[in-house]
Amino acid sequence: MHHEMNGAHTFGRAQCRFFSHRLFNFNNTGAPDTSLNSTLLETLSQLCPDGGNGSILTNLDPTTPDAFDNKYFSNLQIKKGILETDQILFSTSGADTVPIVNNFSANQTAFFESFVVSMIKMGNIRVLTGTEGEIRLNCSKVNGDLSGVSSGGLVAEY
């Protein structure tokens, strides 16, 4: 897995509906996600109140939202990963990703160089087109196996 690609989250924004589960009742505990910085938790809870508008946006990188840099990784070290899928890279005890986060946080050049290599590799992936492949309407199912999915108004999931 090329974890440097997660560093692309140094740019971009996320809607409340993609992280609000971390703010109020994480994993049905009735409490917030303990891997979320308490100051950030307070800020996000005000921005995204429980039961509020899930379409409200916030920056994925609260430190330097308009710069492509290594602060995304530094944010993970201080529990400021907005998305759970980002924060677990650092907050999962014993994970093989912790040294990667530490390295990229301390060495922006290493992050940049690894990111370039991964982008080139990704660009060389042979994309299947036409009858060779498919764009799934539900990412977890092959289009021919859409049992339980309504035929009206299908929307591709991202």
C-alpha atoms as a PDB file:
ATOM      1  CA  MET A   1       0.000   0.000   0.000  1.00  0.00           C
ATOM      2  CA  HIS A   2       1.289   3.435  -0.870  1.00  0.00           C
ATOM      3  CA  HIS A   3       0.436   5.459   2.226  1.00  0.00           C
ATOM      4  CA  GLU A   4       2.097   8.570   0.849  1.00  0.00           C
ATOM      5  CA  MET A   5      -0.994   8.879  -1.362  1.00  0.00           C
ATOM      6  CA  ASN A   6      -3.011   9.630   1.779  1.00  0.00           C
ATOM      7  CA  GLY A   7      -0.921  12.791   1.947  1.00  0.00           C
ATOM      8  CA  ALA A   8      -3.045  14.119  -0.907  1.00  0.00           C
ATOM      9  CA  HIS A   9      -5.484  14.941   1.898  1.00  0.00           C
ATOM     10  CA  THR A  10      -3.252  17.929   2.617  1.00  0.00           C
ATOM     11  CA  PHE A  11      -5.693  19.500   0.129  1.00  0.00           C
ATOM     12  CA  GLY A  12      -9.423  19.155  -0.030  1.00  0.00           C
ATOM     13  CA  ARG A  13     -12.480  19.240   2.128  1.00  0.00           C
ATOM     14  CA  ALA A  14     -14.904  16.725   3.587  1.00  0.00           C
ATOM     15  CA  GLN A  15     -18.601  16.953   4.323  1.00  0.00           C
ATOM     16  CA  CYS A  16     -19.714  16.506   7.922  1.00  0.00           C
ATOM     17  CA  ARG A  17     -21.544  13.298   7.039  1.00  0.00           C
ATOM     18  CA  PHE A  18     -18.201  11.592   6.380  1.00  0.00           C
ATOM     19  CA  PHE A  19     -16.792  12.167   9.872  1.00  0.00           C
ATOM     20  CA  SER A  20     -19.654  13.178  12.204  1.00  0.00           C
ATOM     21  CA  HIS A  21     -19.864   9.590  13.526  1.00  0.00           C
ATOM     22  CA  ARG A  22     -16.579  10.370  15.285  1.00  0.00           C
ATOM     23  CA  LEU A  23     -17.984  13.412  17.095  1.00  0.00           C
ATOM     24  CA  PHE A  24     -20.888  12.130  19.172  1.00  0.00           C
ATOM     25  CA  ASN A  25     -21.409   8.368  19.259  1.00  0.00           C
ATOM     26  CA  PHE A  26     -18.279   6.697  17.976  1.00  0.00           C
ATOM     27  CA  ASN A  27     -18.792   2.960  17.462  1.00  0.00           C
ATOM     28  CA  ASN A  28     -22.018   3.188  19.511  1.00  0.00           C
ATOM     29  CA  THR A  29     -20.118   4.146  22.668  1.00  0.00           C
ATOM     30  CA  GLY A  30     -22.165   7.300  23.282  1.00  0.00           C
ATOM     31  CA  ALA A  31     -18.862   9.187  23.338  1.00  0.00           C
ATOM     32  CA  PRO A  32     -16.615  10.834  20.745  1.00  0.00           C
ATOM     33  CA  ASP A  33     -13.656   9.121  19.106  1.00  0.00           C
ATOM     34  CA  THR A  34     -10.766   9.292  21.588  1.00  0.00           C
ATOM     35  CA  SER A  35      -8.297   9.509  18.703  1.00  0.00           C
ATOM     36  CA  LEU A  36      -9.664  12.987  17.881  1.00  0.00           C
ATOM     37  CA  ASN A  37      -7.932  16.049  19.360  1.00  0.00           C
ATOM     38  CA  SER A  38     -10.247  17.650  21.961  1.00  0.00           C
ATOM     39  CA  THR A  39      -9.900  21.170  20.525  1.00  0.00           C
ATOM     40  CA  LEU A  40     -10.617  19.914  17.015  1.00  0.00           C
ATOM     41  CA  LEU A  41     -13.527  17.874  18.392  1.00  0.00           C
ATOM     42  CA  GLU A  42     -15.058  21.035  19.874  1.00  0.00           C
ATOM     43  CA  THR A  43     -14.579  22.970  16.622  1.00  0.00           C
ATOM     44  CA  LEU A  44     -16.046  20.196  14.476  1.00  0.00           C
ATOM     45  CA  SER A  45     -18.958  19.623  16.878  1.00  0.00           C
ATOM     46  CA  GLN A  46     -19.937  23.285  16.525  1.00  0.00           C
ATOM     47  CA  LEU A  47     -19.578  23.146  12.745  1.00  0.00           C
ATOM     48  CA  CYS A  48     -21.407  19.822  12.457  1.00  0.00           C
ATOM     49  CA  PRO A  49     -23.963  19.551  15.282  1.00  0.00           C
ATOM     50  CA  ASP A  50     -25.514  16.143  15.961  1.00  0.00           C
ATOM     51  CA  GLY A  51     -28.349  15.694  13.467  1.00  0.00           C
ATOM     52  CA  GLY A  52     -27.280  18.826  11.580  1.00  0.00           C
ATOM     53  CA  ASN A  53     -26.612  19.489   7.918  1.00  0.00           C
ATOM     54  CA  GLY A  54     -24.306  16.708   6.730  1.00  0.00           C
ATOM     55  CA  SER A  55     -23.300  18.686   3.631  1.00  0.00           C
ATOM     56  CA  ILE A  56     -21.295  21.345   5.474  1.00  0.00           C
ATOM     57  CA  LEU A  57     -17.624  21.267   4.457  1.00  0.00           C
ATOM     58  CA  THR A  58     -14.415  21.526   6.444  1.00  0.00           C
ATOM     59  CA  ASN A  59     -10.773  21.403   5.389  1.00  0.00           C
ATOM     60  CA  LEU A  60      -9.067  18.007   5.594  1.00  0.00           C
ATOM     61  CA  ASP A  61      -5.896  19.801   6.685  1.00  0.00           C
ATOM     62  CA  PRO A  62      -6.865  22.319   9.379  1.00  0.00           C
ATOM     63  CA  THR A  63      -3.274  23.601   9.679  1.00  0.00           C
ATOM     64  CA  THR A  64      -2.301  24.527   6.102  1.00  0.00           C
ATOM     65  CA  PRO A  65      -5.390  23.856   3.971  1.00  0.00           C
ATOM     66  CA  ASP A  66      -4.117  25.653   0.869  1.00  0.00           C
ATOM     67  CA  ALA A  67      -0.579  24.250   0.772  1.00  0.00           C
ATOM     68  CA  PHE A  68       0.719  20.949  -0.537  1.00  0.00           C
ATOM     69  CA  ASP A  69       3.040  20.035   2.305  1.00  0.00           C
ATOM     70  CA  ASN A  70       3.662  17.399   4.959  1.00  0.00           C
ATOM     71  CA  LYS A  71       1.445  18.986   7.639  1.00  0.00           C
ATOM     72  CA  TYR A  72      -1.209  16.323   6.965  1.00  0.00           C
ATOM     73  CA  PHE A  73       1.159  13.827   8.626  1.00  0.00           C
ATOM     74  CA  SER A  74       2.013  16.213  11.486  1.00  0.00           C
ATOM     75  CA  ASN A  75      -1.715  16.652  12.080  1.00  0.00           C
ATOM     76  CA  LEU A  76      -2.130  12.887  12.496  1.00  0.00           C
ATOM     77  CA  GLN A  77       0.533  12.926  15.222  1.00  0.00           C
ATOM     78  CA  ILE A  78      -1.551  15.401  17.239  1.00  0.00           C
ATOM     79  CA  LYS A  79      -4.893  13.663  16.592  1.00  0.00           C
ATOM     80  CA  LYS A  80      -6.075  16.140  13.976  1.00  0.00           C
ATOM     81  CA  GLY A  81      -6.964  13.703  11.208  1.00  0.00           C
ATOM     82  CA  ILE A  82     -10.482  14.672  10.117  1.00  0.00           C
ATOM     83  CA  LEU A  83     -11.340  11.329   8.525  1.00  0.00           C
ATOM     84  CA  GLU A  84     -11.135   8.169  10.608  1.00  0.00           C
ATOM     85  CA  THR A  85      -9.417   6.411   7.697  1.00  0.00           C
ATOM     86  CA  ASP A  86      -6.649   9.005   7.927  1.00  0.00           C
ATOM     87  CA  GLN A  87      -6.240   9.073  11.712  1.00  0.00           C
ATOM     88  CA  ILE A  88      -5.944   5.281  12.030  1.00  0.00           C
ATOM     89  CA  LEU A  89      -2.670   5.484  10.101  1.00  0.00           C
ATOM     90  CA  PHE A  90      -1.110   6.913  13.260  1.00  0.00           C
ATOM     91  CA  SER A  91      -3.483   6.047  16.102  1.00  0.00           C
ATOM     92  CA  THR A  92      -3.530   2.279  15.624  1.00  0.00           C
ATOM     93  CA  SER A  93      -1.051   0.889  18.138  1.00  0.00           C
ATOM     94  CA  GLY A  94       1.707  -1.121  16.476  1.00  0.00           C
ATOM     95  CA  ALA A  95       0.538  -0.301  12.945  1.00  0.00           C
ATOM     96  CA  ASP A  96       3.210  -0.462  10.257  1.00  0.00           C
ATOM     97  CA  THR A  97       2.046   2.981   9.144  1.00  0.00           C
ATOM     98  CA  VAL A  98       3.176   4.801  12.317  1.00  0.00           C
ATOM     99  CA  PRO A  99       6.863   4.978  11.247  1.00  0.00           C
ATOM    100  CA  ILE A 100       5.760   6.157   7.792  1.00  0.00           C
ATOM    101  CA  VAL A 101       3.703   8.983   9.323  1.00  0.00           C
ATOM    102  CA  ASN A 102       6.625   9.906  11.592  1.00  0.00           C
ATOM    103  CA  ASN A 103       9.060   9.927   8.669  1.00  0.00           C
ATOM    104  CA  PHE A 104       6.878  12.028   6.381  1.00  0.00           C
ATOM    105  CA  SER A 105       6.041  14.430   9.225  1.00  0.00           C
ATOM    106  CA  ALA A 106       9.744  15.006   9.893  1.00  0.00           C
ATOM    107  CA  ASN A 107      10.922  14.914   6.283  1.00  0.00           C
ATOM    108  CA  GLN A 108       8.813  16.761   3.721  1.00  0.00           C
ATOM    109  CA  THR A 109      11.283  15.900   0.932  1.00  0.00           C
ATOM    110  CA  ALA A 110      10.823  12.163   1.619  1.00  0.00           C
ATOM    111  CA  PHE A 111       7.051  12.622   1.384  1.00  0.00           C
ATOM    112  CA  PHE A 112       7.297  14.597  -1.860  1.00  0.00           C
ATOM    113  CA  GLU A 113       9.649  12.056  -3.463  1.00  0.00           C
ATOM    114  CA  SER A 114       7.491   9.080  -2.432  1.00  0.00           C
ATOM    115  CA  PHE A 115       4.343  10.859  -3.573  1.00  0.00           C
ATOM    116  CA  VAL A 116       5.831  11.477  -7.032  1.00  0.00           C
ATOM    117  CA  VAL A 117       6.837   7.818  -7.415  1.00  0.00           C
ATOM    118  CA  SER A 118       3.348   6.657  -6.408  1.00  0.00           C
ATOM    119  CA  MET A 119       1.619   9.125  -8.719  1.00  0.00           C
ATOM    120  CA  ILE A 120       3.718   7.848 -11.627  1.00  0.00           C
ATOM    121  CA  LYS A 121       2.881   4.235 -10.729  1.00  0.00           C
ATOM    122  CA  MET A 122      -0.807   5.083 -10.473  1.00  0.00           C
ATOM    123  CA  GLY A 123      -0.647   6.869 -13.808  1.00  0.00           C
ATOM    124  CA  ASN A 124       0.748   3.720 -15.395  1.00  0.00           C
ATOM    125  CA  ILE A 125      -2.139   1.524 -14.275  1.00  0.00           C
ATOM    126  CA  ARG A 126      -3.914   0.206 -17.321  1.00  0.00           C
ATOM    127  CA  VAL A 127      -7.469   1.442 -16.973  1.00  0.00           C
ATOM    128  CA  LEU A 128     -10.041  -0.949 -18.374  1.00  0.00           C
ATOM    129  CA  THR A 129     -12.448   0.760 -20.736  1.00  0.00           C
ATOM    130  CA  GLY A 130     -15.415  -0.168 -22.873  1.00  0.00           C
ATOM    131  CA  THR A 131     -16.379  -3.816 -22.518  1.00  0.00           C
ATOM    132  CA  GLU A 132     -13.099  -4.655 -20.706  1.00  0.00           C
ATOM    133  CA  GLY A 133     -14.218  -3.126 -17.428  1.00  0.00           C
ATOM    134  CA  GLU A 134     -17.054  -1.403 -15.618  1.00  0.00           C
ATOM    135  CA  ILE A 135     -17.779   1.581 -13.451  1.00  0.00           C
ATOM    136  CA  ARG A 136     -19.518   0.047 -10.472  1.00  0.00           C
ATOM    137  CA  LEU A 137     -22.812   1.491  -9.350  1.00  0.00           C
ATOM    138  CA  ASN A 138     -22.090   0.079  -5.890  1.00  0.00           C
ATOM    139  CA  CYS A 139     -18.349  -0.152  -5.178  1.00  0.00           C
ATOM    140  CA  SER A 140     -18.649  -3.364  -3.171  1.00  0.00           C
ATOM    141  CA  LYS A 141     -20.580  -5.278  -5.857  1.00  0.00           C
ATOM    142  CA  VAL A 142     -20.018  -6.237  -9.459  1.00  0.00           C
ATOM    143  CA  ASN A 143     -22.731  -4.539 -11.535  1.00  0.00           C
ATOM    144  CA  GLY A 144     -24.216  -7.913 -12.519  1.00  0.00           C
ATOM    145  CA  ASP A 145     -24.811  -8.600  -8.796  1.00  0.00           C
ATOM    146  CA  LEU A 146     -26.895  -5.649  -7.663  1.00  0.00           C
ATOM    147  CA  SER A 147     -29.393  -7.571  -5.550  1.00  0.00           C
ATOM    148  CA  GLY A 148     -31.045  -5.277  -3.086  1.00  0.00           C
ATOM    149  CA  VAL A 149     -30.215  -2.161  -5.094  1.00  0.00           C
ATOM    150  CA  SER A 150     -33.208  -0.314  -6.456  1.00  0.00           C
ATOM    151  CA  SER A 151     -33.270  -0.078 -10.229  1.00  0.00           C
ATOM    152  CA  GLY A 152     -34.659   3.442 -10.158  1.00  0.00           C
ATOM    153  CA  GLY A 153     -32.263   6.346  -9.771  1.00  0.00           C
ATOM    154  CA  LEU A 154     -29.032   4.396  -9.403  1.00  0.00           C
ATOM    155  CA  VAL A 155     -26.160   6.588  -8.323  1.00  0.00           C
ATOM    156  CA  ALA A 156     -22.524   5.567  -8.334  1.00  0.00           C
ATOM    157  CA  GLU A 157     -21.049   5.494  -4.824  1.00  0.00           C
ATOM    158  CA  TYR A 158     -17.686   7.121  -4.069  1.00  0.00           C
END
